[in-house]
Amino acid sequence: MPESFIYYDHDYLLKKMVDEFKEKYGVECFAALHHNKRKTNLHIHMIFAERAVRAAGGKDCHPEYVL
């Protein structure tokens, strides 16, 4: 991500990126946003699945955004 994104609201940034990824690729996605100790490398880690994500017991699970 561009360095200037460090100044954006991180909750908004993460939600926007995940929502756009899910919309574009039609998959479920979990994500975490963070930067290194020097705050020079803001980035998102994403884990996605091409099938419905299910919680223990077989019920649908609702992904959360993690900061």
C-alpha atoms as a PDB file:
ATOM      1  CA  MET A   1       0.000   0.000   0.000  1.00  0.00           C
ATOM      2  CA  PRO A   2       1.204   3.554  -0.542  1.00  0.00           C
ATOM      3  CA  GLU A   3       2.881   5.111   2.503  1.00  0.00           C
ATOM      4  CA  SER A   4       0.255   7.859   2.600  1.00  0.00           C
ATOM      5  CA  PHE A   5      -2.375   5.254   3.580  1.00  0.00           C
ATOM      6  CA  ILE A   6      -0.941   5.295   7.122  1.00  0.00           C
ATOM      7  CA  TYR A   7      -2.950   8.508   7.626  1.00  0.00           C
ATOM      8  CA  TYR A   8      -6.291   6.973   6.569  1.00  0.00           C
ATOM      9  CA  ASP A   9      -8.766   5.483   9.010  1.00  0.00           C
ATOM     10  CA  HIS A  10      -7.551   1.879   9.248  1.00  0.00           C
ATOM     11  CA  ASP A  11     -11.014   0.440   9.977  1.00  0.00           C
ATOM     12  CA  TYR A  12     -12.388   2.054   6.823  1.00  0.00           C
ATOM     13  CA  LEU A  13      -9.369   1.079   4.736  1.00  0.00           C
ATOM     14  CA  LEU A  14      -9.501  -2.578   5.738  1.00  0.00           C
ATOM     15  CA  LYS A  15     -13.264  -2.873   5.250  1.00  0.00           C
ATOM     16  CA  LYS A  16     -13.101  -1.182   1.834  1.00  0.00           C
ATOM     17  CA  MET A  17     -10.269  -3.408   0.590  1.00  0.00           C
ATOM     18  CA  VAL A  18     -11.914  -6.607   1.834  1.00  0.00           C
ATOM     19  CA  ASP A  19     -15.350  -5.676   0.487  1.00  0.00           C
ATOM     20  CA  GLU A  20     -13.907  -4.847  -2.946  1.00  0.00           C
ATOM     21  CA  PHE A  21     -11.911  -8.106  -3.002  1.00  0.00           C
ATOM     22  CA  LYS A  22     -15.007 -10.128  -2.084  1.00  0.00           C
ATOM     23  CA  GLU A  23     -17.106  -8.318  -4.700  1.00  0.00           C
ATOM     24  CA  LYS A  24     -14.520  -8.692  -7.467  1.00  0.00           C
ATOM     25  CA  TYR A  25     -13.686 -12.358  -6.887  1.00  0.00           C
ATOM     26  CA  GLY A  26     -16.919 -13.634  -5.297  1.00  0.00           C
ATOM     27  CA  VAL A  27     -15.165 -15.304  -2.360  1.00  0.00           C
ATOM     28  CA  GLU A  28     -15.247 -15.113   1.426  1.00  0.00           C
ATOM     29  CA  CYS A  29     -12.281 -13.351   2.956  1.00  0.00           C
ATOM     30  CA  PHE A  30     -10.640 -12.762   6.338  1.00  0.00           C
ATOM     31  CA  ALA A  31      -8.045 -10.013   6.616  1.00  0.00           C
ATOM     32  CA  ALA A  32      -5.689  -8.227   8.982  1.00  0.00           C
ATOM     33  CA  LEU A  33      -4.078  -4.834   8.446  1.00  0.00           C
ATOM     34  CA  HIS A  34      -0.837  -3.818  10.136  1.00  0.00           C
ATOM     35  CA  HIS A  35       2.524  -2.165   9.602  1.00  0.00           C
ATOM     36  CA  ASN A  36       6.071  -2.917  10.618  1.00  0.00           C
ATOM     37  CA  LYS A  37       7.655  -1.404  13.752  1.00  0.00           C
ATOM     38  CA  ARG A  38       9.057   1.581  11.842  1.00  0.00           C
ATOM     39  CA  LYS A  39       5.627   2.218  10.274  1.00  0.00           C
ATOM     40  CA  THR A  40       7.057   2.154   6.765  1.00  0.00           C
ATOM     41  CA  ASN A  41       5.175  -0.862   5.392  1.00  0.00           C
ATOM     42  CA  LEU A  42       1.410  -0.764   5.914  1.00  0.00           C
ATOM     43  CA  HIS A  43      -0.109  -3.895   4.405  1.00  0.00           C
ATOM     44  CA  ILE A  44      -3.006  -6.343   4.523  1.00  0.00           C
ATOM     45  CA  HIS A  45      -2.848 -10.115   4.884  1.00  0.00           C
ATOM     46  CA  MET A  46      -5.866 -11.836   3.319  1.00  0.00           C
ATOM     47  CA  ILE A  47      -7.072 -15.400   3.574  1.00  0.00           C
ATOM     48  CA  PHE A  48      -9.862 -16.334   1.212  1.00  0.00           C
ATOM     49  CA  ALA A  49     -11.960 -19.371   0.400  1.00  0.00           C
ATOM     50  CA  GLU A  50     -13.837 -20.163  -2.787  1.00  0.00           C
ATOM     51  CA  ARG A  51     -16.565 -21.955  -0.842  1.00  0.00           C
ATOM     52  CA  ALA A  52     -18.818 -20.842   2.002  1.00  0.00           C
ATOM     53  CA  VAL A  53     -17.020 -20.437   5.303  1.00  0.00           C
ATOM     54  CA  ARG A  54     -18.595 -22.528   8.067  1.00  0.00           C
ATOM     55  CA  ALA A  55     -18.056 -22.360  11.790  1.00  0.00           C
ATOM     56  CA  ALA A  56     -17.783 -25.453  14.003  1.00  0.00           C
ATOM     57  CA  GLY A  57     -21.097 -27.301  13.927  1.00  0.00           C
ATOM     58  CA  GLY A  58     -21.744 -26.505  10.267  1.00  0.00           C
ATOM     59  CA  LYS A  59     -23.371 -23.082  10.716  1.00  0.00           C
ATOM     60  CA  ASP A  60     -22.443 -20.226   8.412  1.00  0.00           C
ATOM     61  CA  CYS A  61     -19.846 -17.951   9.924  1.00  0.00           C
ATOM     62  CA  HIS A  62     -19.644 -14.185   9.476  1.00  0.00           C
ATOM     63  CA  PRO A  63     -16.060 -12.993   8.846  1.00  0.00           C
ATOM     64  CA  GLU A  64     -14.768 -10.112  10.951  1.00  0.00           C
ATOM     65  CA  TYR A  65     -12.355  -7.352  10.127  1.00  0.00           C
ATOM     66  CA  VAL A  66      -9.230  -7.486  12.290  1.00  0.00           C
ATOM     67  CA  LEU A  67      -6.847  -4.650  12.995  1.00  0.00           C
END
